[in-house]
Amino acid sequence: MNNGHIIDASIPEDTEKRREWIKYQLKIRGISIAKLAREHDVSRQALSTALVRSNPRWEYVISSALGVAPNAIWPERYEHAGRNKNIILPISRRNLAGGAQ
């Protein structure tokens, strides 16, 4: 449970359905991609890149808002890239500030 809402355990495997699932999960929490972007001082388009291609910094922001590890939402991006599969949430804004955009 996160912010009073239960996360649907069945994250879609289809990438298009997954993008819609992510947007829906954010919406039921009163969050949008635009709102997250404003909180992190970037454009909505910059943050949206994580929905269509690998962008670890923004994957962390989105997954943190959902209370789920990025590798749970995008397992294919972490299995083949050899990234750390033991990601710990939450990730603070200070930690993100040092990363590349």
PDB file of N, CA and C in Angstrom:
ATOM      1  N   MET A   1       0.856  -1.172   0.000  1.00  0.00           N
ATOM      2  CA  MET A   1       0.000   0.000   0.000  1.00  0.00           C
ATOM      3  C   MET A   1       0.899   1.231   0.000  1.00  0.00           C
ATOM      4  N   ASN A   2       0.534   2.230  -0.759  1.00  0.00           N
ATOM      5  CA  ASN A   2       1.316   3.458  -0.861  1.00  0.00           C
ATOM      6  C   ASN A   2       0.356   4.626  -0.939  1.00  0.00           C
ATOM      7  N   ASN A   3       0.501   5.570  -0.018  1.00  0.00           N
ATOM      8  CA  ASN A   3      -0.365   6.752   0.007  1.00  0.00           C
ATOM      9  C   ASN A   3      -1.846   6.371   0.013  1.00  0.00           C
ATOM     10  N   GLY A   4      -2.177   5.278   0.697  1.00  0.00           N
ATOM     11  CA  GLY A   4      -3.570   4.877   0.772  1.00  0.00           C
ATOM     12  C   GLY A   4      -4.072   4.118  -0.437  1.00  0.00           C
ATOM     13  N   HIS A   5      -3.205   3.853  -1.402  1.00  0.00           N
ATOM     14  CA  HIS A   5      -3.616   3.139  -2.606  1.00  0.00           C
ATOM     15  C   HIS A   5      -2.805   1.859  -2.738  1.00  0.00           C
ATOM     16  N   ILE A   6      -3.463   0.795  -3.132  1.00  0.00           N
ATOM     17  CA  ILE A   6      -2.782  -0.476  -3.312  1.00  0.00           C
ATOM     18  C   ILE A   6      -2.180  -0.512  -4.707  1.00  0.00           C
ATOM     19  N   ILE A   7      -0.914  -0.909  -4.780  1.00  0.00           N
ATOM     20  CA  ILE A   7      -0.257  -1.060  -6.078  1.00  0.00           C
ATOM     21  C   ILE A   7      -0.722  -2.383  -6.679  1.00  0.00           C
ATOM     22  N   ASP A   8      -1.159  -2.333  -7.905  1.00  0.00           N
ATOM     23  CA  ASP A   8      -1.559  -3.549  -8.607  1.00  0.00           C
ATOM     24  C   ASP A   8      -0.308  -4.393  -8.817  1.00  0.00           C
ATOM     25  N   ALA A   9      -0.312  -5.595  -8.283  1.00  0.00           N
ATOM     26  CA  ALA A   9       0.861  -6.455  -8.354  1.00  0.00           C
ATOM     27  C   ALA A   9       1.167  -6.915  -9.776  1.00  0.00           C
ATOM     28  N   SER A  10       0.198  -6.829 -10.666  1.00  0.00           N
ATOM     29  CA  SER A  10       0.406  -7.313 -12.028  1.00  0.00           C
ATOM     30  C   SER A  10       0.784  -6.168 -12.957  1.00  0.00           C
ATOM     31  N   ILE A  11       2.047  -5.823 -12.946  1.00  0.00           N
ATOM     32  CA  ILE A  11       2.552  -4.782 -13.841  1.00  0.00           C
ATOM     33  C   ILE A  11       2.573  -5.372 -15.247  1.00  0.00           C
ATOM     34  N   PRO A  12       1.925  -4.707 -16.205  1.00  0.00           N
ATOM     35  CA  PRO A  12       1.852  -5.259 -17.570  1.00  0.00           C
ATOM     36  C   PRO A  12       3.225  -5.476 -18.189  1.00  0.00           C
ATOM     37  N   GLU A  13       3.362  -6.558 -18.928  1.00  0.00           N
ATOM     38  CA  GLU A  13       4.607  -6.831 -19.647  1.00  0.00           C
ATOM     39  C   GLU A  13       4.695  -6.037 -20.941  1.00  0.00           C
ATOM     40  N   ASP A  14       3.562  -5.807 -21.591  1.00  0.00           N
ATOM     41  CA  ASP A  14       3.523  -5.028 -22.827  1.00  0.00           C
ATOM     42  C   ASP A  14       3.928  -3.583 -22.518  1.00  0.00           C
ATOM     43  N   THR A  15       4.885  -3.046 -23.272  1.00  0.00           N
ATOM     44  CA  THR A  15       5.422  -1.718 -22.963  1.00  0.00           C
ATOM     45  C   THR A  15       4.379  -0.608 -23.049  1.00  0.00           C
ATOM     46  N   GLU A  16       3.502  -0.667 -24.037  1.00  0.00           N
ATOM     47  CA  GLU A  16       2.465   0.374 -24.166  1.00  0.00           C
ATOM     48  C   GLU A  16       1.492   0.306 -22.995  1.00  0.00           C
ATOM     49  N   LYS A  17       1.074  -0.896 -22.651  1.00  0.00           N
ATOM     50  CA  LYS A  17       0.161  -1.057 -21.514  1.00  0.00           C
ATOM     51  C   LYS A  17       0.849  -0.647 -20.212  1.00  0.00           C
ATOM     52  N   ARG A  18       2.141  -0.921 -20.103  1.00  0.00           N
ATOM     53  CA  ARG A  18       2.887  -0.544 -18.907  1.00  0.00           C
ATOM     54  C   ARG A  18       2.961   0.975 -18.753  1.00  0.00           C
ATOM     55  N   ARG A  19       3.189   1.693 -19.862  1.00  0.00           N
ATOM     56  CA  ARG A  19       3.208   3.164 -19.802  1.00  0.00           C
ATOM     57  C   ARG A  19       1.882   3.690 -19.277  1.00  0.00           C
ATOM     58  N   GLU A  20       0.792   3.133 -19.803  1.00  0.00           N
ATOM     59  CA  GLU A  20      -0.539   3.556 -19.350  1.00  0.00           C
ATOM     60  C   GLU A  20      -0.764   3.175 -17.891  1.00  0.00           C
ATOM     61  N   TRP A  21      -0.285   2.016 -17.486  1.00  0.00           N
ATOM     62  CA  TRP A  21      -0.401   1.566 -16.100  1.00  0.00           C
ATOM     63  C   TRP A  21       0.327   2.536 -15.172  1.00  0.00           C
ATOM     64  N   ILE A  22       1.546   2.936 -15.561  1.00  0.00           N
ATOM     65  CA  ILE A  22       2.330   3.872 -14.748  1.00  0.00           C
ATOM     66  C   ILE A  22       1.581   5.192 -14.601  1.00  0.00           C
ATOM     67  N   LYS A  23       1.079   5.715 -15.719  1.00  0.00           N
ATOM     68  CA  LYS A  23       0.341   6.981 -15.671  1.00  0.00           C
ATOM     69  C   LYS A  23      -0.898   6.861 -14.788  1.00  0.00           C
ATOM     70  N   TYR A  24      -1.595   5.739 -14.885  1.00  0.00           N
ATOM     71  CA  TYR A  24      -2.785   5.518 -14.065  1.00  0.00           C
ATOM     72  C   TYR A  24      -2.409   5.432 -12.579  1.00  0.00           C
ATOM     73  N   GLN A  25      -1.352   4.681 -12.272  1.00  0.00           N
ATOM     74  CA  GLN A  25      -0.920   4.550 -10.878  1.00  0.00           C
ATOM     75  C   GLN A  25      -0.519   5.904 -10.298  1.00  0.00           C
ATOM     76  N   LEU A  26       0.124   6.740 -11.088  1.00  0.00           N
ATOM     77  CA  LEU A  26       0.460   8.093 -10.628  1.00  0.00           C
ATOM     78  C   LEU A  26      -0.813   8.906 -10.415  1.00  0.00           C
ATOM     79  N   LYS A  27      -1.742   8.803 -11.377  1.00  0.00           N
ATOM     80  CA  LYS A  27      -2.977   9.590 -11.315  1.00  0.00           C
ATOM     81  C   LYS A  27      -3.787   9.284 -10.066  1.00  0.00           C
ATOM     82  N   ILE A  28      -3.926   8.010  -9.697  1.00  0.00           N
ATOM     83  CA  ILE A  28      -4.728   7.676  -8.525  1.00  0.00           C
ATOM     84  C   ILE A  28      -4.063   8.154  -7.233  1.00  0.00           C
ATOM     85  N   ARG A  29      -2.797   8.537  -7.323  1.00  0.00           N
ATOM     86  CA  ARG A  29      -2.095   9.115  -6.179  1.00  0.00           C
ATOM     87  C   ARG A  29      -2.072  10.641  -6.223  1.00  0.00           C
ATOM     88  N   GLY A  30      -2.721  11.193  -7.240  1.00  0.00           N
ATOM     89  CA  GLY A  30      -2.746  12.647  -7.371  1.00  0.00           C
ATOM     90  C   GLY A  30      -1.446  13.215  -7.890  1.00  0.00           C
ATOM     91  N   ILE A  31      -0.705  12.412  -8.638  1.00  0.00           N
ATOM     92  CA  ILE A  31       0.596  12.817  -9.179  1.00  0.00           C
ATOM     93  C   ILE A  31       0.524  12.712 -10.696  1.00  0.00           C
ATOM     94  N   SER A  32       1.249  13.564 -11.371  1.00  0.00           N
ATOM     95  CA  SER A  32       1.362  13.471 -12.824  1.00  0.00           C
ATOM     96  C   SER A  32       2.835  13.566 -13.199  1.00  0.00           C
ATOM     97  N   ILE A  33       3.131  13.203 -14.432  1.00  0.00           N
ATOM     98  CA  ILE A  33       4.507  13.352 -14.927  1.00  0.00           C
ATOM     99  C   ILE A  33       4.915  14.818 -14.847  1.00  0.00           C
ATOM    100  N   ALA A  34       3.996  15.712 -15.198  1.00  0.00           N
ATOM    101  CA  ALA A  34       4.292  17.151 -15.151  1.00  0.00           C
ATOM    102  C   ALA A  34       4.602  17.601 -13.727  1.00  0.00           C
ATOM    103  N   LYS A  35       3.846  17.114 -12.761  1.00  0.00           N
ATOM    104  CA  LYS A  35       4.080  17.489 -11.363  1.00  0.00           C
ATOM    105  C   LYS A  35       5.445  16.985 -10.891  1.00  0.00           C
ATOM    106  N   LEU A  36       5.772  15.737 -11.211  1.00  0.00           N
ATOM    107  CA  LEU A  36       7.092  15.211 -10.852  1.00  0.00           C
ATOM    108  C   LEU A  36       8.201  16.030 -11.507  1.00  0.00           C
ATOM    109  N   ALA A  37       7.997  16.392 -12.757  1.00  0.00           N
ATOM    110  CA  ALA A  37       9.000  17.183 -13.476  1.00  0.00           C
ATOM    111  C   ALA A  37       9.212  18.529 -12.791  1.00  0.00           C
ATOM    112  N   ARG A  38       8.120  19.182 -12.406  1.00  0.00           N
ATOM    113  CA  ARG A  38       8.253  20.470 -11.702  1.00  0.00           C
ATOM    114  C   ARG A  38       9.005  20.312 -10.390  1.00  0.00           C
ATOM    115  N   GLU A  39       8.722  19.241  -9.667  1.00  0.00           N
ATOM    116  CA  GLU A  39       9.399  18.993  -8.391  1.00  0.00           C
ATOM    117  C   GLU A  39      10.906  18.799  -8.565  1.00  0.00           C
ATOM    118  N   HIS A  40      11.307  18.336  -9.742  1.00  0.00           N
ATOM    119  CA  HIS A  40      12.722  18.062  -9.997  1.00  0.00           C
ATOM    120  C   HIS A  40      13.347  19.054 -10.974  1.00  0.00           C
ATOM    121  N   ASP A  41      12.630  20.136 -11.224  1.00  0.00           N
ATOM    122  CA  ASP A  41      13.137  21.235 -12.065  1.00  0.00           C
ATOM    123  C   ASP A  41      13.603  20.790 -13.450  1.00  0.00           C
ATOM    124  N   VAL A  42      12.778  19.956 -14.092  1.00  0.00           N
ATOM    125  CA  VAL A  42      13.050  19.545 -15.470  1.00  0.00           C
ATOM    126  C   VAL A  42      11.750  19.630 -16.258  1.00  0.00           C
ATOM    127  N   SER A  43      11.852  19.510 -17.559  1.00  0.00           N
ATOM    128  CA  SER A  43      10.650  19.541 -18.378  1.00  0.00           C
ATOM    129  C   SER A  43       9.905  18.219 -18.269  1.00  0.00           C
ATOM    130  N   ARG A  44       8.631  18.263 -18.555  1.00  0.00           N
ATOM    131  CA  ARG A  44       7.807  17.056 -18.579  1.00  0.00           C
ATOM    132  C   ARG A  44       8.362  16.070 -19.600  1.00  0.00           C
ATOM    133  N   GLN A  45       8.821  16.584 -20.723  1.00  0.00           N
ATOM    134  CA  GLN A  45       9.358  15.734 -21.782  1.00  0.00           C
ATOM    135  C   GLN A  45      10.613  14.994 -21.315  1.00  0.00           C
ATOM    136  N   ALA A  46      11.463  15.684 -20.556  1.00  0.00           N
ATOM    137  CA  ALA A  46      12.685  15.042 -20.063  1.00  0.00           C
ATOM    138  C   ALA A  46      12.340  13.864 -19.159  1.00  0.00           C
ATOM    139  N   LEU A  47      11.409  14.073 -18.242  1.00  0.00           N
ATOM    140  CA  LEU A  47      11.025  13.002 -17.325  1.00  0.00           C
ATOM    141  C   LEU A  47      10.297  11.883 -18.061  1.00  0.00           C
ATOM    142  N   SER A  48       9.531  12.239 -19.073  1.00  0.00           N
ATOM    143  CA  SER A  48       8.769  11.242 -19.845  1.00  0.00           C
ATOM    144  C   SER A  48       9.659  10.285 -20.611  1.00  0.00           C
ATOM    145  N   THR A  49      10.914  10.637 -20.825  1.00  0.00           N
ATOM    146  CA  THR A  49      11.801   9.735 -21.567  1.00  0.00           C
ATOM    147  C   THR A  49      11.898   8.372 -20.905  1.00  0.00           C
ATOM    148  N   ALA A  50      11.776   8.338 -19.574  1.00  0.00           N
ATOM    149  CA  ALA A  50      11.859   7.057 -18.861  1.00  0.00           C
ATOM    150  C   ALA A  50      10.711   6.119 -19.220  1.00  0.00           C
ATOM    151  N   LEU A  51       9.625   6.668 -19.729  1.00  0.00           N
ATOM    152  CA  LEU A  51       8.494   5.817 -20.110  1.00  0.00           C
ATOM    153  C   LEU A  51       8.751   5.063 -21.411  1.00  0.00           C
ATOM    154  N   VAL A  52       9.664   5.575 -22.240  1.00  0.00           N
ATOM    155  CA  VAL A  52       9.888   4.952 -23.545  1.00  0.00           C
ATOM    156  C   VAL A  52      11.284   4.372 -23.739  1.00  0.00           C
ATOM    157  N   ARG A  53      12.262   4.857 -22.970  1.00  0.00           N
ATOM    158  CA  ARG A  53      13.611   4.286 -23.078  1.00  0.00           C
ATOM    159  C   ARG A  53      14.326   4.423 -21.739  1.00  0.00           C
ATOM    160  N   SER A  54      15.361   3.654 -21.601  1.00  0.00           N
ATOM    161  CA  SER A  54      16.084   3.613 -20.335  1.00  0.00           C
ATOM    162  C   SER A  54      16.693   4.967 -19.982  1.00  0.00           C
ATOM    163  N   ASN A  55      16.367   5.426 -18.808  1.00  0.00           N
ATOM    164  CA  ASN A  55      16.921   6.659 -18.264  1.00  0.00           C
ATOM    165  C   ASN A  55      16.884   6.499 -16.743  1.00  0.00           C
ATOM    166  N   PRO A  56      17.950   5.942 -16.168  1.00  0.00           N
ATOM    167  CA  PRO A  56      17.933   5.566 -14.754  1.00  0.00           C
ATOM    168  C   PRO A  56      17.505   6.677 -13.797  1.00  0.00           C
ATOM    169  N   ARG A  57      17.951   7.874 -14.024  1.00  0.00           N
ATOM    170  CA  ARG A  57      17.595   8.958 -13.105  1.00  0.00           C
ATOM    171  C   ARG A  57      16.085   9.139 -13.021  1.00  0.00           C
ATOM    172  N   TRP A  58      15.418   9.187 -14.152  1.00  0.00           N
ATOM    173  CA  TRP A  58      13.977   9.430 -14.157  1.00  0.00           C
ATOM    174  C   TRP A  58      13.189   8.163 -13.835  1.00  0.00           C
ATOM    175  N   GLU A  59      13.756   7.005 -14.124  1.00  0.00           N
ATOM    176  CA  GLU A  59      13.128   5.756 -13.688  1.00  0.00           C
ATOM    177  C   GLU A  59      13.022   5.749 -12.167  1.00  0.00           C
ATOM    178  N   TYR A  60      14.082   6.205 -11.495  1.00  0.00           N
ATOM    179  CA  TYR A  60      14.078   6.254 -10.034  1.00  0.00           C
ATOM    180  C   TYR A  60      13.031   7.228  -9.510  1.00  0.00           C
ATOM    181  N   VAL A  61      12.910   8.377 -10.161  1.00  0.00           N
ATOM    182  CA  VAL A  61      11.927   9.378  -9.730  1.00  0.00           C
ATOM    183  C   VAL A  61      10.510   8.809  -9.851  1.00  0.00           C
ATOM    184  N   ILE A  62      10.213   8.217 -10.985  1.00  0.00           N
ATOM    185  CA  ILE A  62       8.872   7.665 -11.212  1.00  0.00           C
ATOM    186  C   ILE A  62       8.597   6.507 -10.261  1.00  0.00           C
ATOM    187  N   SER A  63       9.530   5.582 -10.173  1.00  0.00           N
ATOM    188  CA  SER A  63       9.307   4.414  -9.320  1.00  0.00           C
ATOM    189  C   SER A  63       9.230   4.802  -7.848  1.00  0.00           C
ATOM    190  N   SER A  64       9.999   5.794  -7.446  1.00  0.00           N
ATOM    191  CA  SER A  64       9.940   6.272  -6.064  1.00  0.00           C
ATOM    192  C   SER A  64       8.564   6.850  -5.755  1.00  0.00           C
ATOM    193  N   ALA A  65       7.982   7.576  -6.698  1.00  0.00           N
ATOM    194  CA  ALA A  65       6.641   8.132  -6.515  1.00  0.00           C
ATOM    195  C   ALA A  65       5.606   7.027  -6.355  1.00  0.00           C
ATOM    196  N   LEU A  66       5.883   5.868  -6.967  1.00  0.00           N
ATOM    197  CA  LEU A  66       4.973   4.726  -6.868  1.00  0.00           C
ATOM    198  C   LEU A  66       5.314   3.809  -5.701  1.00  0.00           C
ATOM    199  N   GLY A  67       6.493   4.004  -5.103  1.00  0.00           N
ATOM    200  CA  GLY A  67       6.904   3.144  -4.000  1.00  0.00           C
ATOM    201  C   GLY A  67       7.315   1.757  -4.435  1.00  0.00           C
ATOM    202  N   VAL A  68       7.808   1.655  -5.677  1.00  0.00           N
ATOM    203  CA  VAL A  68       8.220   0.380  -6.253  1.00  0.00           C
ATOM    204  C   VAL A  68       9.635   0.552  -6.791  1.00  0.00           C
ATOM    205  N   ALA A  69      10.450  -0.470  -6.702  1.00  0.00           N
ATOM    206  CA  ALA A  69      11.806  -0.402  -7.249  1.00  0.00           C
ATOM    207  C   ALA A  69      11.743  -0.320  -8.775  1.00  0.00           C
ATOM    208  N   PRO A  70      12.652   0.431  -9.393  1.00  0.00           N
ATOM    209  CA  PRO A  70      12.649   0.543 -10.859  1.00  0.00           C
ATOM    210  C   PRO A  70      12.740  -0.804 -11.570  1.00  0.00           C
ATOM    211  N   ASN A  71      13.512  -1.726 -11.012  1.00  0.00           N
ATOM    212  CA  ASN A  71      13.652  -3.030 -11.673  1.00  0.00           C
ATOM    213  C   ASN A  71      12.379  -3.857 -11.607  1.00  0.00           C
ATOM    214  N   ALA A  72      11.435  -3.490 -10.749  1.00  0.00           N
ATOM    215  CA  ALA A  72      10.136  -4.172 -10.733  1.00  0.00           C
ATOM    216  C   ALA A  72       9.241  -3.666 -11.858  1.00  0.00           C
ATOM    217  N   ILE A  73       9.402  -2.383 -12.196  1.00  0.00           N
ATOM    218  CA  ILE A  73       8.590  -1.788 -13.267  1.00  0.00           C
ATOM    219  C   ILE A  73       9.178  -2.095 -14.636  1.00  0.00           C
ATOM    220  N   TRP A  74      10.509  -1.995 -14.750  1.00  0.00           N
ATOM    221  CA  TRP A  74      11.196  -2.209 -16.025  1.00  0.00           C
ATOM    222  C   TRP A  74      12.241  -3.318 -15.889  1.00  0.00           C
ATOM    223  N   PRO A  75      11.833  -4.561 -15.635  1.00  0.00           N
ATOM    224  CA  PRO A  75      12.829  -5.619 -15.405  1.00  0.00           C
ATOM    225  C   PRO A  75      13.768  -5.847 -16.588  1.00  0.00           C
ATOM    226  N   GLU A  76      13.254  -5.675 -17.794  1.00  0.00           N
ATOM    227  CA  GLU A  76      14.097  -5.905 -18.972  1.00  0.00           C
ATOM    228  C   GLU A  76      15.240  -4.903 -19.070  1.00  0.00           C
ATOM    229  N   ARG A  77      15.079  -3.730 -18.529  1.00  0.00           N
ATOM    230  CA  ARG A  77      16.128  -2.717 -18.572  1.00  0.00           C
ATOM    231  C   ARG A  77      17.250  -3.032 -17.585  1.00  0.00           C
ATOM    232  N   TYR A  78      16.956  -3.793 -16.561  1.00  0.00           N
ATOM    233  CA  TYR A  78      17.937  -4.098 -15.533  1.00  0.00           C
ATOM    234  C   TYR A  78      18.577  -5.465 -15.710  1.00  0.00           C
ATOM    235  N   GLU A  79      17.864  -6.421 -16.275  1.00  0.00           N
ATOM    236  CA  GLU A  79      18.421  -7.752 -16.498  1.00  0.00           C
ATOM    237  C   GLU A  79      19.558  -7.725 -17.511  1.00  0.00           C
ATOM    238  N   HIS A  80      19.343  -7.043 -18.615  1.00  0.00           N
ATOM    239  CA  HIS A  80      20.310  -7.054 -19.708  1.00  0.00           C
ATOM    240  C   HIS A  80      21.393  -6.000 -19.560  1.00  0.00           C
ATOM    241  N   ALA A  81      21.110  -4.955 -18.826  1.00  0.00           N
ATOM    242  CA  ALA A  81      22.089  -3.881 -18.676  1.00  0.00           C
ATOM    243  C   ALA A  81      23.092  -4.186 -17.576  1.00  0.00           C
ATOM    244  N   GLY A  82      22.821  -5.218 -16.781  1.00  0.00           N
ATOM    245  CA  GLY A  82      23.742  -5.570 -15.711  1.00  0.00           C
ATOM    246  C   GLY A  82      23.740  -4.555 -14.583  1.00  0.00           C
ATOM    247  N   ARG A  83      22.649  -3.780 -14.463  1.00  0.00           N
ATOM    248  CA  ARG A  83      22.576  -2.795 -13.383  1.00  0.00           C
ATOM    249  C   ARG A  83      22.285  -3.479 -12.064  1.00  0.00           C
ATOM    250  N   ASN A  84      22.518  -2.746 -11.001  1.00  0.00           N
ATOM    251  CA  ASN A  84      22.262  -3.241  -9.659  1.00  0.00           C
ATOM    252  C   ASN A  84      20.790  -3.613  -9.516  1.00  0.00           C
ATOM    253  N   LYS A  85      20.526  -4.869  -9.192  1.00  0.00           N
ATOM    254  CA  LYS A  85      19.148  -5.327  -9.054  1.00  0.00           C
ATOM    255  C   LYS A  85      18.620  -5.117  -7.642  1.00  0.00           C
ATOM    256  N   ASN A  86      19.475  -4.709  -6.734  1.00  0.00           N
ATOM    257  CA  ASN A  86      19.075  -4.514  -5.341  1.00  0.00           C
ATOM    258  C   ASN A  86      18.932  -3.034  -5.025  1.00  0.00           C
ATOM    259  N   ILE A  87      18.059  -2.376  -5.748  1.00  0.00           N
ATOM    260  CA  ILE A  87      17.848  -0.945  -5.585  1.00  0.00           C
ATOM    261  C   ILE A  87      16.996  -0.713  -4.348  1.00  0.00           C
ATOM    262  N   ILE A  88      17.416   0.239  -3.529  1.00  0.00           N
ATOM    263  CA  ILE A  88      16.704   0.542  -2.297  1.00  0.00           C
ATOM    264  C   ILE A  88      15.967   1.857  -2.457  1.00  0.00           C
ATOM    265  N   LEU A  89      14.702   1.878  -2.061  1.00  0.00           N
ATOM    266  CA  LEU A  89      13.894   3.093  -2.085  1.00  0.00           C
ATOM    267  C   LEU A  89      13.647   3.529  -0.660  1.00  0.00           C
ATOM    268  N   PRO A  90      13.383   4.756  -0.350  1.00  0.00           N
ATOM    269  CA  PRO A  90      13.243   5.861  -1.287  1.00  0.00           C
ATOM    270  C   PRO A  90      14.588   6.481  -1.644  1.00  0.00           C
ATOM    271  N   ILE A  91      14.599   7.136  -2.759  1.00  0.00           N
ATOM    272  CA  ILE A  91      15.768   7.863  -3.225  1.00  0.00           C
ATOM    273  C   ILE A  91      15.489   9.339  -2.995  1.00  0.00           C
ATOM    274  N   SER A  92      16.386   9.996  -2.322  1.00  0.00           N
ATOM    275  CA  SER A  92      16.148  11.395  -1.991  1.00  0.00           C
ATOM    276  C   SER A  92      16.466  12.302  -3.176  1.00  0.00           C
ATOM    277  N   ARG A  93      15.876  13.472  -3.177  1.00  0.00           N
ATOM    278  CA  ARG A  93      16.150  14.457  -4.233  1.00  0.00           C
ATOM    279  C   ARG A  93      17.622  14.834  -4.220  1.00  0.00           C
ATOM    280  N   ARG A  94      18.246  14.863  -3.026  1.00  0.00           N
ATOM    281  CA  ARG A  94      19.662  15.214  -2.937  1.00  0.00           C
ATOM    282  C   ARG A  94      20.511  14.203  -3.688  1.00  0.00           C
ATOM    283  N   ASN A  95      20.187  12.916  -3.575  1.00  0.00           N
ATOM    284  CA  ASN A  95      20.918  11.886  -4.307  1.00  0.00           C
ATOM    285  C   ASN A  95      20.774  12.065  -5.808  1.00  0.00           C
ATOM    286  N   LEU A  96      19.589  12.467  -6.248  1.00  0.00           N
ATOM    287  CA  LEU A  96      19.349  12.648  -7.675  1.00  0.00           C
ATOM    288  C   LEU A  96      20.045  13.877  -8.232  1.00  0.00           C
ATOM    289  N   ALA A  97      20.240  14.887  -7.396  1.00  0.00           N
ATOM    290  CA  ALA A  97      20.819  16.155  -7.864  1.00  0.00           C
ATOM    291  C   ALA A  97      22.215  15.955  -8.450  1.00  0.00           C
ATOM    292  N   GLY A  98      22.934  14.953  -7.980  1.00  0.00           N
ATOM    293  CA  GLY A  98      24.290  14.734  -8.483  1.00  0.00           C
ATOM    294  C   GLY A  98      24.335  13.973  -9.782  1.00  0.00           C
ATOM    295  N   GLY A  99      23.214  13.371 -10.212  1.00  0.00           N
ATOM    296  CA  GLY A  99      23.179  12.553 -11.426  1.00  0.00           C
ATOM    297  C   GLY A  99      23.075  13.380 -12.684  1.00  0.00           C
ATOM    298  N   ALA A 100      23.353  12.745 -13.798  1.00  0.00           N
ATOM    299  CA  ALA A 100      23.223  13.420 -15.091  1.00  0.00           C
ATOM    300  C   ALA A 100      21.778  13.443 -15.530  1.00  0.00           C
ATOM    301  N   GLN A 101      21.411  14.467 -16.265  1.00  0.00           N
ATOM    302  CA  GLN A 101      20.043  14.561 -16.783  1.00  0.00           C
ATOM    303  C   GLN A 101      19.891  13.784 -18.046  1.00  0.00           C
TER     304      GLN A 101
END
